[in-house]
PDB file of all heavy atoms in Angstrom:
ATOM      1  N   ARG A   1       0.824  -1.206   0.000  1.00  0.00           N
ATOM      2  CA  ARG A   1       0.000   0.000   0.000  1.00  0.00           C
ATOM      3  C   ARG A   1       0.859   1.257   0.000  1.00  0.00           C
ATOM      4  O   ARG A   1       0.403   2.342  -0.342  1.00  0.00           O
ATOM      5  CB  ARG A   1      -0.923   0.003   1.224  1.00  0.00           C
ATOM      6  CG  ARG A   1      -1.887  -1.169   1.291  1.00  0.00           C
ATOM      7  CD  ARG A   1      -2.786  -1.049   2.511  1.00  0.00           C
ATOM      8  NE  ARG A   1      -3.574  -2.252   2.729  1.00  0.00           N
ATOM      9  CZ  ARG A   1      -4.427  -2.410   3.724  1.00  0.00           C
ATOM     10  NH1 ARG A   1      -4.604  -1.444   4.603  1.00  0.00           N
ATOM     11  NH2 ARG A   1      -5.106  -3.529   3.859  1.00  0.00           N
ATOM     12  N   THR A   2       2.112   1.105   0.429  1.00  0.00           N
ATOM     13  CA  THR A   2       3.060   2.216   0.451  1.00  0.00           C
ATOM     14  C   THR A   2       4.350   1.773  -0.227  1.00  0.00           C
ATOM     15  O   THR A   2       4.514   0.614  -0.586  1.00  0.00           O
ATOM     16  CB  THR A   2       3.369   2.661   1.899  1.00  0.00           C
ATOM     17  OG1 THR A   2       3.938   1.555   2.611  1.00  0.00           O
ATOM     18  CG2 THR A   2       2.093   3.107   2.615  1.00  0.00           C
ATOM     19  N   GLY A   3       5.282   2.714  -0.385  1.00  0.00           N
ATOM     20  CA  GLY A   3       6.547   2.406  -1.034  1.00  0.00           C
ATOM     21  C   GLY A   3       7.466   1.581  -0.150  1.00  0.00           C
ATOM     22  O   GLY A   3       7.196   1.351   1.029  1.00  0.00           O
ATOM     23  N   ALA A   4       8.579   1.125  -0.720  1.00  0.00           N
ATOM     24  CA  ALA A   4       9.542   0.303   0.003  1.00  0.00           C
ATOM     25  C   ALA A   4      10.387   1.176   0.927  1.00  0.00           C
ATOM     26  O   ALA A   4      11.006   2.153   0.491  1.00  0.00           O
ATOM     27  CB  ALA A   4      10.436  -0.434  -0.983  1.00  0.00           C
ATOM     28  N   CYS A   5      10.439   0.809   2.208  1.00  0.00           N
ATOM     29  CA  CYS A   5      11.185   1.596   3.185  1.00  0.00           C
ATOM     30  C   CYS A   5      12.690   1.522   2.942  1.00  0.00           C
ATOM     31  O   CYS A   5      13.418   2.476   3.227  1.00  0.00           O
ATOM     32  CB  CYS A   5      10.859   1.124   4.600  1.00  0.00           C
ATOM     33  SG  CYS A   5       9.168   1.493   5.090  1.00  0.00           S
ATOM     34  N   CYS A   6      13.175   0.399   2.430  1.00  0.00           N
ATOM     35  CA  CYS A   6      14.601   0.279   2.134  1.00  0.00           C
ATOM     36  C   CYS A   6      15.048   1.372   1.171  1.00  0.00           C
ATOM     37  O   CYS A   6      16.079   2.017   1.370  1.00  0.00           O
ATOM     38  CB  CYS A   6      14.900  -1.090   1.531  1.00  0.00           C
ATOM     39  SG  CYS A   6      14.929  -2.435   2.729  1.00  0.00           S
ATOM     40  N   GLU A   7      14.273   1.577   0.123  1.00  0.00           N
ATOM     41  CA  GLU A   7      14.639   2.589  -0.867  1.00  0.00           C
ATOM     42  C   GLU A   7      14.599   3.980  -0.268  1.00  0.00           C
ATOM     43  O   GLU A   7      15.431   4.836  -0.618  1.00  0.00           O
ATOM     44  CB  GLU A   7      13.714   2.491  -2.084  1.00  0.00           C
ATOM     45  CG  GLU A   7      13.760   1.141  -2.794  1.00  0.00           C
ATOM     46  CD  GLU A   7      15.176   0.712  -3.155  1.00  0.00           C
ATOM     47  OE1 GLU A   7      15.976   1.571  -3.604  1.00  0.00           O
ATOM     48  OE2 GLU A   7      15.497  -0.482  -2.983  1.00  0.00           O
ATOM     49  N   ALA A   8      13.659   4.226   0.627  1.00  0.00           N
ATOM     50  CA  ALA A   8      13.588   5.542   1.278  1.00  0.00           C
ATOM     51  C   ALA A   8      14.821   5.782   2.141  1.00  0.00           C
ATOM     52  O   ALA A   8      15.385   6.892   2.145  1.00  0.00           O
ATOM     53  CB  ALA A   8      12.325   5.629   2.123  1.00  0.00           C
ATOM     54  N   LEU A   9      15.269   4.764   2.857  1.00  0.00           N
ATOM     55  CA  LEU A   9      16.460   4.891   3.702  1.00  0.00           C
ATOM     56  C   LEU A   9      17.706   5.104   2.853  1.00  0.00           C
ATOM     57  O   LEU A   9      18.570   5.931   3.171  1.00  0.00           O
ATOM     58  CB  LEU A   9      16.615   3.645   4.581  1.00  0.00           C
ATOM     59  CG  LEU A   9      15.564   3.454   5.678  1.00  0.00           C
ATOM     60  CD1 LEU A   9      15.630   2.028   6.227  1.00  0.00           C
ATOM     61  CD2 LEU A   9      15.747   4.462   6.800  1.00  0.00           C
ATOM     62  N   ILE A  10      17.801   4.370   1.762  1.00  0.00           N
ATOM     63  CA  ILE A  10      18.956   4.495   0.865  1.00  0.00           C
ATOM     64  C   ILE A  10      18.988   5.883   0.228  1.00  0.00           C
ATOM     65  O   ILE A  10      20.030   6.549   0.200  1.00  0.00           O
ATOM     66  CB  ILE A  10      18.912   3.391  -0.211  1.00  0.00           C
ATOM     67  CG1 ILE A  10      19.105   2.012   0.430  1.00  0.00           C
ATOM     68  CG2 ILE A  10      19.978   3.633  -1.283  1.00  0.00           C
ATOM     69  CD1 ILE A  10      18.773   0.853  -0.497  1.00  0.00           C
ATOM     70  N   SER A  11      17.836   6.327  -0.268  1.00  0.00           N
ATOM     71  CA  SER A  11      17.762   7.632  -0.934  1.00  0.00           C
ATOM     72  C   SER A  11      18.095   8.777   0.013  1.00  0.00           C
ATOM     73  O   SER A  11      18.656   9.797  -0.402  1.00  0.00           O
ATOM     74  CB  SER A  11      16.362   7.840  -1.521  1.00  0.00           C
ATOM     75  OG  SER A  11      16.084   6.878  -2.513  1.00  0.00           O
ATOM     76  N   ALA A  12      17.750   8.605   1.290  1.00  0.00           N
ATOM     77  CA  ALA A  12      18.001   9.669   2.271  1.00  0.00           C
ATOM     78  C   ALA A  12      19.461   9.713   2.713  1.00  0.00           C
ATOM     79  O   ALA A  12      19.866  10.645   3.407  1.00  0.00           O
ATOM     80  CB  ALA A  12      17.104   9.476   3.481  1.00  0.00           C
ATOM     81  N   GLY A  13      20.243   8.712   2.335  1.00  0.00           N
ATOM     82  CA  GLY A  13      21.653   8.710   2.692  1.00  0.00           C
ATOM     83  C   GLY A  13      21.963   8.156   4.062  1.00  0.00           C
ATOM     84  O   GLY A  13      23.051   8.399   4.609  1.00  0.00           O
ATOM     85  N   VAL A  14      21.031   7.401   4.630  1.00  0.00           N
ATOM     86  CA  VAL A  14      21.293   6.753   5.926  1.00  0.00           C
ATOM     87  C   VAL A  14      22.474   5.804   5.746  1.00  0.00           C
ATOM     88  O   VAL A  14      22.571   5.094   4.737  1.00  0.00           O
ATOM     89  CB  VAL A  14      20.039   5.983   6.407  1.00  0.00           C
ATOM     90  CG1 VAL A  14      20.357   5.093   7.598  1.00  0.00           C
ATOM     91  CG2 VAL A  14      18.936   6.970   6.753  1.00  0.00           C
ATOM     92  N   SER A  15      23.407   5.804   6.713  1.00  0.00           N
ATOM     93  CA  SER A  15      24.631   5.009   6.550  1.00  0.00           C
ATOM     94  C   SER A  15      24.600   3.673   7.283  1.00  0.00           C
ATOM     95  O   SER A  15      25.343   2.754   6.937  1.00  0.00           O
ATOM     96  CB  SER A  15      25.838   5.819   7.029  1.00  0.00           C
ATOM     97  OG  SER A  15      25.711   6.128   8.414  1.00  0.00           O
ATOM     98  N   ARG A  16      23.738   3.561   8.306  1.00  0.00           N
ATOM     99  CA  ARG A  16      23.706   2.334   9.113  1.00  0.00           C
ATOM    100  C   ARG A  16      22.276   2.053   9.533  1.00  0.00           C
ATOM    101  O   ARG A  16      21.531   2.988   9.879  1.00  0.00           O
ATOM    102  CB  ARG A  16      24.597   2.500  10.346  1.00  0.00           C
ATOM    103  CG  ARG A  16      24.604   1.318  11.321  1.00  0.00           C
ATOM    104  CD  ARG A  16      25.551   1.602  12.484  1.00  0.00           C
ATOM    105  NE  ARG A  16      25.596   0.525  13.477  1.00  0.00           N
ATOM    106  CZ  ARG A  16      25.350   0.700  14.767  1.00  0.00           C
ATOM    107  NH1 ARG A  16      25.055   1.910  15.259  1.00  0.00           N
ATOM    108  NH2 ARG A  16      25.415  -0.339  15.593  1.00  0.00           N
ATOM    109  N   VAL A  17      21.902   0.788   9.504  1.00  0.00           N
ATOM    110  CA  VAL A  17      20.568   0.382   9.958  1.00  0.00           C
ATOM    111  C   VAL A  17      20.721  -0.719  10.990  1.00  0.00           C
ATOM    112  O   VAL A  17      21.373  -1.745  10.730  1.00  0.00           O
ATOM    113  CB  VAL A  17      19.691  -0.110   8.781  1.00  0.00           C
ATOM    114  CG1 VAL A  17      18.369  -0.683   9.316  1.00  0.00           C
ATOM    115  CG2 VAL A  17      19.406   1.025   7.811  1.00  0.00           C
ATOM    116  N   VAL A  18      20.124  -0.496  12.145  1.00  0.00           N
ATOM    117  CA  VAL A  18      20.083  -1.509  13.200  1.00  0.00           C
ATOM    118  C   VAL A  18      18.623  -1.919  13.370  1.00  0.00           C
ATOM    119  O   VAL A  18      17.783  -1.080  13.696  1.00  0.00           O
ATOM    120  CB  VAL A  18      20.643  -0.976  14.534  1.00  0.00           C
ATOM    121  CG1 VAL A  18      20.549  -2.051  15.617  1.00  0.00           C
ATOM    122  CG2 VAL A  18      22.088  -0.511  14.363  1.00  0.00           C
ATOM    123  N   SER A  19      18.322  -3.175  13.129  1.00  0.00           N
ATOM    124  CA  SER A  19      16.950  -3.653  13.308  1.00  0.00           C
ATOM    125  C   SER A  19      16.892  -4.596  14.501  1.00  0.00           C
ATOM    126  O   SER A  19      17.872  -5.279  14.806  1.00  0.00           O
ATOM    127  CB  SER A  19      16.437  -4.367  12.056  1.00  0.00           C
ATOM    128  OG  SER A  19      17.050  -5.620  11.902  1.00  0.00           O
ATOM    129  N   ALA A  20      15.749  -4.619  15.136  1.00  0.00           N
ATOM    130  CA  ALA A  20      15.587  -5.522  16.278  1.00  0.00           C
ATOM    131  C   ALA A  20      15.440  -6.964  15.827  1.00  0.00           C
ATOM    132  O   ALA A  20      15.942  -7.883  16.476  1.00  0.00           O
ATOM    133  CB  ALA A  20      14.373  -5.106  17.111  1.00  0.00           C
ATOM    134  N   MET A  21      14.777  -7.182  14.686  1.00  0.00           N
ATOM    135  CA  MET A  21      14.498  -8.546  14.250  1.00  0.00           C
ATOM    136  C   MET A  21      14.195  -8.583  12.765  1.00  0.00           C
ATOM    137  O   MET A  21      13.822  -7.570  12.155  1.00  0.00           O
ATOM    138  CB  MET A  21      13.322  -9.131  15.037  1.00  0.00           C
ATOM    139  CG  MET A  21      12.016  -8.347  14.881  1.00  0.00           C
ATOM    140  SD  MET A  21      10.628  -9.099  15.746  1.00  0.00           S
ATOM    141  CE  MET A  21      10.313 -10.540  14.707  1.00  0.00           C
ATOM    142  N   GLN A  22      14.334  -9.744  12.204  1.00  0.00           N
ATOM    143  CA  GLN A  22      13.964  -9.969  10.812  1.00  0.00           C
ATOM    144  C   GLN A  22      12.450 -10.028  10.688  1.00  0.00           C
ATOM    145  O   GLN A  22      11.754 -10.517  11.578  1.00  0.00           O
ATOM    146  CB  GLN A  22      14.579 -11.273  10.305  1.00  0.00           C
ATOM    147  CG  GLN A  22      14.249 -11.606   8.858  1.00  0.00           C
ATOM    148  CD  GLN A  22      15.005 -12.818   8.354  1.00  0.00           C
ATOM    149  OE1 GLN A  22      16.214 -12.803   8.247  1.00  0.00           O
ATOM    150  NE2 GLN A  22      14.270 -13.887   8.055  1.00  0.00           N
ATOM    151  N   ASP A  23      11.932  -9.515   9.582  1.00  0.00           N
ATOM    152  CA  ASP A  23      10.494  -9.536   9.336  1.00  0.00           C
ATOM    153  C   ASP A  23      10.059 -10.958   8.987  1.00  0.00           C
ATOM    154  O   ASP A  23      10.609 -11.567   8.068  1.00  0.00           O
ATOM    155  CB  ASP A  23      10.163  -8.588   8.176  1.00  0.00           C
ATOM    156  CG  ASP A  23       8.680  -8.317   8.026  1.00  0.00           C
ATOM    157  OD1 ASP A  23       7.863  -9.170   8.433  1.00  0.00           O
ATOM    158  OD2 ASP A  23       8.317  -7.248   7.495  1.00  0.00           O
ATOM    159  N   PRO A  24       9.062 -11.524   9.703  1.00  0.00           N
ATOM    160  CA  PRO A  24       8.602 -12.882   9.388  1.00  0.00           C
ATOM    161  C   PRO A  24       7.757 -12.964   8.126  1.00  0.00           C
ATOM    162  O   PRO A  24       7.454 -14.064   7.652  1.00  0.00           O
ATOM    163  CB  PRO A  24       7.774 -13.256  10.625  1.00  0.00           C
ATOM    164  CG  PRO A  24       7.224 -11.938  11.100  1.00  0.00           C
ATOM    165  CD  PRO A  24       8.335 -10.948  10.851  1.00  0.00           C
ATOM    166  N   ASN A  25       7.367 -11.810   7.575  1.00  0.00           N
ATOM    167  CA  ASN A  25       6.579 -11.801   6.351  1.00  0.00           C
ATOM    168  C   ASN A  25       7.402 -12.398   5.213  1.00  0.00           C
ATOM    169  O   ASN A  25       8.499 -11.918   4.919  1.00  0.00           O
ATOM    170  CB  ASN A  25       6.185 -10.357   6.012  1.00  0.00           C
ATOM    171  CG  ASN A  25       5.241 -10.268   4.824  1.00  0.00           C
ATOM    172  OD1 ASN A  25       5.117 -11.194   4.027  1.00  0.00           O
ATOM    173  ND2 ASN A  25       4.571  -9.140   4.692  1.00  0.00           N
ATOM    174  N   PRO A  26       6.919 -13.445   4.555  1.00  0.00           N
ATOM    175  CA  PRO A  26       7.684 -14.077   3.467  1.00  0.00           C
ATOM    176  C   PRO A  26       8.072 -13.104   2.361  1.00  0.00           C
ATOM    177  O   PRO A  26       9.059 -13.331   1.650  1.00  0.00           O
ATOM    178  CB  PRO A  26       6.727 -15.157   2.944  1.00  0.00           C
ATOM    179  CG  PRO A  26       5.818 -15.455   4.097  1.00  0.00           C
ATOM    180  CD  PRO A  26       5.644 -14.140   4.807  1.00  0.00           C
ATOM    181  N   GLN A  27       7.318 -12.000   2.214  1.00  0.00           N
ATOM    182  CA  GLN A  27       7.662 -11.010   1.202  1.00  0.00           C
ATOM    183  C   GLN A  27       8.928 -10.246   1.561  1.00  0.00           C
ATOM    184  O   GLN A  27       9.534  -9.605   0.706  1.00  0.00           O
ATOM    185  CB  GLN A  27       6.508 -10.025   1.011  1.00  0.00           C
ATOM    186  CG  GLN A  27       5.281 -10.606   0.338  1.00  0.00           C
ATOM    187  CD  GLN A  27       4.222  -9.549   0.109  1.00  0.00           C
ATOM    188  OE1 GLN A  27       3.610  -9.034   1.037  1.00  0.00           O
ATOM    189  NE2 GLN A  27       4.008  -9.204  -1.145  1.00  0.00           N
ATOM    190  N   VAL A  28       9.316 -10.288   2.824  1.00  0.00           N
ATOM    191  CA  VAL A  28      10.515  -9.584   3.286  1.00  0.00           C
ATOM    192  C   VAL A  28      11.544 -10.623   3.719  1.00  0.00           C
ATOM    193  O   VAL A  28      12.463 -10.943   2.979  1.00  0.00           O
ATOM    194  CB  VAL A  28      10.184  -8.612   4.441  1.00  0.00           C
ATOM    195  CG1 VAL A  28      11.412  -7.779   4.793  1.00  0.00           C
ATOM    196  CG2 VAL A  28       9.012  -7.712   4.073  1.00  0.00           C
ATOM    197  N   ALA A  29      11.404 -11.154   4.921  1.00  0.00           N
ATOM    198  CA  ALA A  29      12.191 -12.299   5.414  1.00  0.00           C
ATOM    199  C   ALA A  29      13.674 -12.247   5.054  1.00  0.00           C
ATOM    200  O   ALA A  29      14.223 -13.188   4.493  1.00  0.00           O
ATOM    201  CB  ALA A  29      11.564 -13.605   4.894  1.00  0.00           C
ATOM    202  N   GLY A  30      14.314 -11.129   5.340  1.00  0.00           N
ATOM    203  CA  GLY A  30      15.742 -10.995   5.071  1.00  0.00           C
ATOM    204  C   GLY A  30      16.062 -10.209   3.822  1.00  0.00           C
ATOM    205  O   GLY A  30      17.184  -9.705   3.660  1.00  0.00           O
ATOM    206  N   ALA A  31      15.097 -10.071   2.918  1.00  0.00           N
ATOM    207  CA  ALA A  31      15.343  -9.347   1.673  1.00  0.00           C
ATOM    208  C   ALA A  31      15.570  -7.861   1.923  1.00  0.00           C
ATOM    209  O   ALA A  31      16.310  -7.205   1.166  1.00  0.00           O
ATOM    210  CB  ALA A  31      14.167  -9.543   0.717  1.00  0.00           C
ATOM    211  N   GLY A  32      14.953  -7.319   2.963  1.00  0.00           N
ATOM    212  CA  GLY A  32      15.177  -5.911   3.291  1.00  0.00           C
ATOM    213  C   GLY A  32      16.603  -5.672   3.742  1.00  0.00           C
ATOM    214  O   GLY A  32      17.280  -4.737   3.284  1.00  0.00           O
ATOM    215  N   HIS A  33      17.075  -6.511   4.649  1.00  0.00           N
ATOM    216  CA  HIS A  33      18.465  -6.412   5.098  1.00  0.00           C
ATOM    217  C   HIS A  33      19.416  -6.573   3.917  1.00  0.00           C
ATOM    218  O   HIS A  33      20.428  -5.869   3.801  1.00  0.00           O
ATOM    219  CB  HIS A  33      18.763  -7.500   6.137  1.00  0.00           C
ATOM    220  CG  HIS A  33      18.116  -7.265   7.471  1.00  0.00           C
ATOM    221  ND1 HIS A  33      17.745  -8.295   8.312  1.00  0.00           N
ATOM    222  CD2 HIS A  33      17.771  -6.115   8.108  1.00  0.00           C
ATOM    223  CE1 HIS A  33      17.213  -7.796   9.410  1.00  0.00           C
ATOM    224  NE2 HIS A  33      17.208  -6.482   9.312  1.00  0.00           N
ATOM    225  N   ALA A  34      19.090  -7.519   3.027  1.00  0.00           N
ATOM    226  CA  ALA A  34      19.945  -7.782   1.873  1.00  0.00           C
ATOM    227  C   ALA A  34      20.034  -6.569   0.960  1.00  0.00           C
ATOM    228  O   ALA A  34      21.115  -6.218   0.476  1.00  0.00           O
ATOM    229  CB  ALA A  34      19.411  -8.989   1.101  1.00  0.00           C
ATOM    230  N   ARG A  35      18.904  -5.938   0.724  1.00  0.00           N
ATOM    231  CA  ARG A  35      18.902  -4.760  -0.163  1.00  0.00           C
ATOM    232  C   ARG A  35      19.721  -3.625   0.446  1.00  0.00           C
ATOM    233  O   ARG A  35      20.480  -2.936  -0.271  1.00  0.00           O
ATOM    234  CB  ARG A  35      17.460  -4.300  -0.402  1.00  0.00           C
ATOM    235  CG  ARG A  35      17.337  -2.980  -1.171  1.00  0.00           C
ATOM    236  CD  ARG A  35      17.855  -3.122  -2.588  1.00  0.00           C
ATOM    237  NE  ARG A  35      17.832  -1.838  -3.292  1.00  0.00           N
ATOM    238  CZ  ARG A  35      18.914  -1.201  -3.737  1.00  0.00           C
ATOM    239  NH1 ARG A  35      20.124  -1.746  -3.573  1.00  0.00           N
ATOM    240  NH2 ARG A  35      18.799  -0.044  -4.362  1.00  0.00           N
ATOM    241  N   LEU A  36      19.603  -3.401   1.732  1.00  0.00           N
ATOM    242  CA  LEU A  36      20.358  -2.333   2.388  1.00  0.00           C
ATOM    243  C   LEU A  36      21.856  -2.606   2.315  1.00  0.00           C
ATOM    244  O   LEU A  36      22.660  -1.711   2.013  1.00  0.00           O
ATOM    245  CB  LEU A  36      19.908  -2.200   3.846  1.00  0.00           C
ATOM    246  CG  LEU A  36      18.467  -1.723   4.070  1.00  0.00           C
ATOM    247  CD1 LEU A  36      18.073  -1.897   5.530  1.00  0.00           C
ATOM    248  CD2 LEU A  36      18.304  -0.267   3.642  1.00  0.00           C
ATOM    249  N   ALA A  37      22.237  -3.848   2.595  1.00  0.00           N
ATOM    250  CA  ALA A  37      23.653  -4.207   2.539  1.00  0.00           C
ATOM    251  C   ALA A  37      24.191  -4.104   1.113  1.00  0.00           C
ATOM    252  O   ALA A  37      25.321  -3.657   0.884  1.00  0.00           O
ATOM    253  CB  ALA A  37      23.843  -5.621   3.077  1.00  0.00           C
ATOM    254  N   GLU A  38      23.381  -4.479   0.158  1.00  0.00           N
ATOM    255  CA  GLU A  38      23.766  -4.400  -1.253  1.00  0.00           C
ATOM    256  C   GLU A  38      24.050  -2.957  -1.658  1.00  0.00           C
ATOM    257  O   GLU A  38      24.924  -2.688  -2.490  1.00  0.00           O
ATOM    258  CB  GLU A  38      22.633  -4.978  -2.101  1.00  0.00           C
ATOM    259  CG  GLU A  38      22.898  -5.046  -3.586  1.00  0.00           C
ATOM    260  CD  GLU A  38      21.696  -5.606  -4.332  1.00  0.00           C
ATOM    261  OE1 GLU A  38      20.629  -4.948  -4.296  1.00  0.00           O
ATOM    262  OE2 GLU A  38      21.800  -6.694  -4.917  1.00  0.00           O
ATOM    263  N   ALA A  39      23.303  -2.020  -1.033  1.00  0.00           N
ATOM    264  CA  ALA A  39      23.479  -0.598  -1.344  1.00  0.00           C
ATOM    265  C   ALA A  39      24.641   0.025  -0.575  1.00  0.00           C
ATOM    266  O   ALA A  39      24.896   1.225  -0.721  1.00  0.00           O
ATOM    267  CB  ALA A  39      22.185   0.157  -1.038  1.00  0.00           C
ATOM    268  N   GLY A  40      25.309  -0.770   0.253  1.00  0.00           N
ATOM    269  CA  GLY A  40      26.481  -0.275   0.952  1.00  0.00           C
ATOM    270  C   GLY A  40      26.254   0.180   2.376  1.00  0.00           C
ATOM    271  O   GLY A  40      27.189   0.663   3.035  1.00  0.00           O
ATOM    272  N   LEU A  41      25.036   0.030   2.888  1.00  0.00           N
ATOM    273  CA  LEU A  41      24.772   0.422   4.270  1.00  0.00           C
ATOM    274  C   LEU A  41      25.310  -0.643   5.219  1.00  0.00           C
ATOM    275  O   LEU A  41      25.334  -1.835   4.883  1.00  0.00           O
ATOM    276  CB  LEU A  41      23.272   0.601   4.517  1.00  0.00           C
ATOM    277  CG  LEU A  41      22.644   1.928   4.037  1.00  0.00           C
ATOM    278  CD1 LEU A  41      22.561   1.969   2.513  1.00  0.00           C
ATOM    279  CD2 LEU A  41      21.250   2.097   4.656  1.00  0.00           C
ATOM    280  N   VAL A  42      25.729  -0.225   6.394  1.00  0.00           N
ATOM    281  CA  VAL A  42      26.103  -1.164   7.442  1.00  0.00           C
ATOM    282  C   VAL A  42      24.812  -1.652   8.083  1.00  0.00           C
ATOM    283  O   VAL A  42      23.968  -0.842   8.492  1.00  0.00           O
ATOM    284  CB  VAL A  42      27.009  -0.497   8.499  1.00  0.00           C
ATOM    285  CG1 VAL A  42      27.308  -1.478   9.640  1.00  0.00           C
ATOM    286  CG2 VAL A  42      28.295   0.003   7.858  1.00  0.00           C
ATOM    287  N   VAL A  43      24.631  -2.953   8.164  1.00  0.00           N
ATOM    288  CA  VAL A  43      23.377  -3.526   8.668  1.00  0.00           C
ATOM    289  C   VAL A  43      23.668  -4.468   9.827  1.00  0.00           C
ATOM    290  O   VAL A  43      24.554  -5.321   9.737  1.00  0.00           O
ATOM    291  CB  VAL A  43      22.629  -4.295   7.555  1.00  0.00           C
ATOM    292  CG1 VAL A  43      21.313  -4.857   8.086  1.00  0.00           C
ATOM    293  CG2 VAL A  43      22.377  -3.400   6.352  1.00  0.00           C
ATOM    294  N   ALA A  44      22.927  -4.295  10.905  1.00  0.00           N
ATOM    295  CA  ALA A  44      23.035  -5.191  12.060  1.00  0.00           C
ATOM    296  C   ALA A  44      21.628  -5.485  12.564  1.00  0.00           C
ATOM    297  O   ALA A  44      20.744  -4.630  12.490  1.00  0.00           O
ATOM    298  CB  ALA A  44      23.878  -4.561  13.164  1.00  0.00           C
ATOM    299  N   SER A  45      21.428  -6.687  13.064  1.00  0.00           N
ATOM    300  CA  SER A  45      20.094  -7.082  13.515  1.00  0.00           C
ATOM    301  C   SER A  45      20.187  -7.903  14.790  1.00  0.00           C
ATOM    302  O   SER A  45      21.233  -8.488  15.088  1.00  0.00           O
ATOM    303  CB  SER A  45      19.380  -7.886  12.429  1.00  0.00           C
ATOM    304  OG  SER A  45      18.047  -8.174  12.792  1.00  0.00           O
ATOM    305  N   GLY A  46      19.083  -7.920  15.550  1.00  0.00           N
ATOM    306  CA  GLY A  46      19.028  -8.747  16.756  1.00  0.00           C
ATOM    307  C   GLY A  46      19.088  -7.975  18.053  1.00  0.00           C
ATOM    308  O   GLY A  46      19.124  -8.566  19.129  1.00  0.00           O
ATOM    309  N   LEU A  47      19.049  -6.655  17.989  1.00  0.00           N
ATOM    310  CA  LEU A  47      19.110  -5.832  19.199  1.00  0.00           C
ATOM    311  C   LEU A  47      17.723  -5.720  19.832  1.00  0.00           C
ATOM    312  O   LEU A  47      16.784  -5.256  19.194  1.00  0.00           O
ATOM    313  CB  LEU A  47      19.646  -4.439  18.858  1.00  0.00           C
ATOM    314  CG  LEU A  47      19.733  -3.427  20.000  1.00  0.00           C
ATOM    315  CD1 LEU A  47      20.599  -3.939  21.140  1.00  0.00           C
ATOM    316  CD2 LEU A  47      20.241  -2.080  19.485  1.00  0.00           C
TER     317      LEU A  47
END
């Protein structure tokens, strides 16, 4: 219903993303983290 948040973070120039957990939605399920890392952002999860 809305745009992809990964692209918004990348476009804004965010350099690091820390997520608490992976999204259990099969449409995401790690693909968000993968896209951010692919774009050069530092990504950490599990906090």
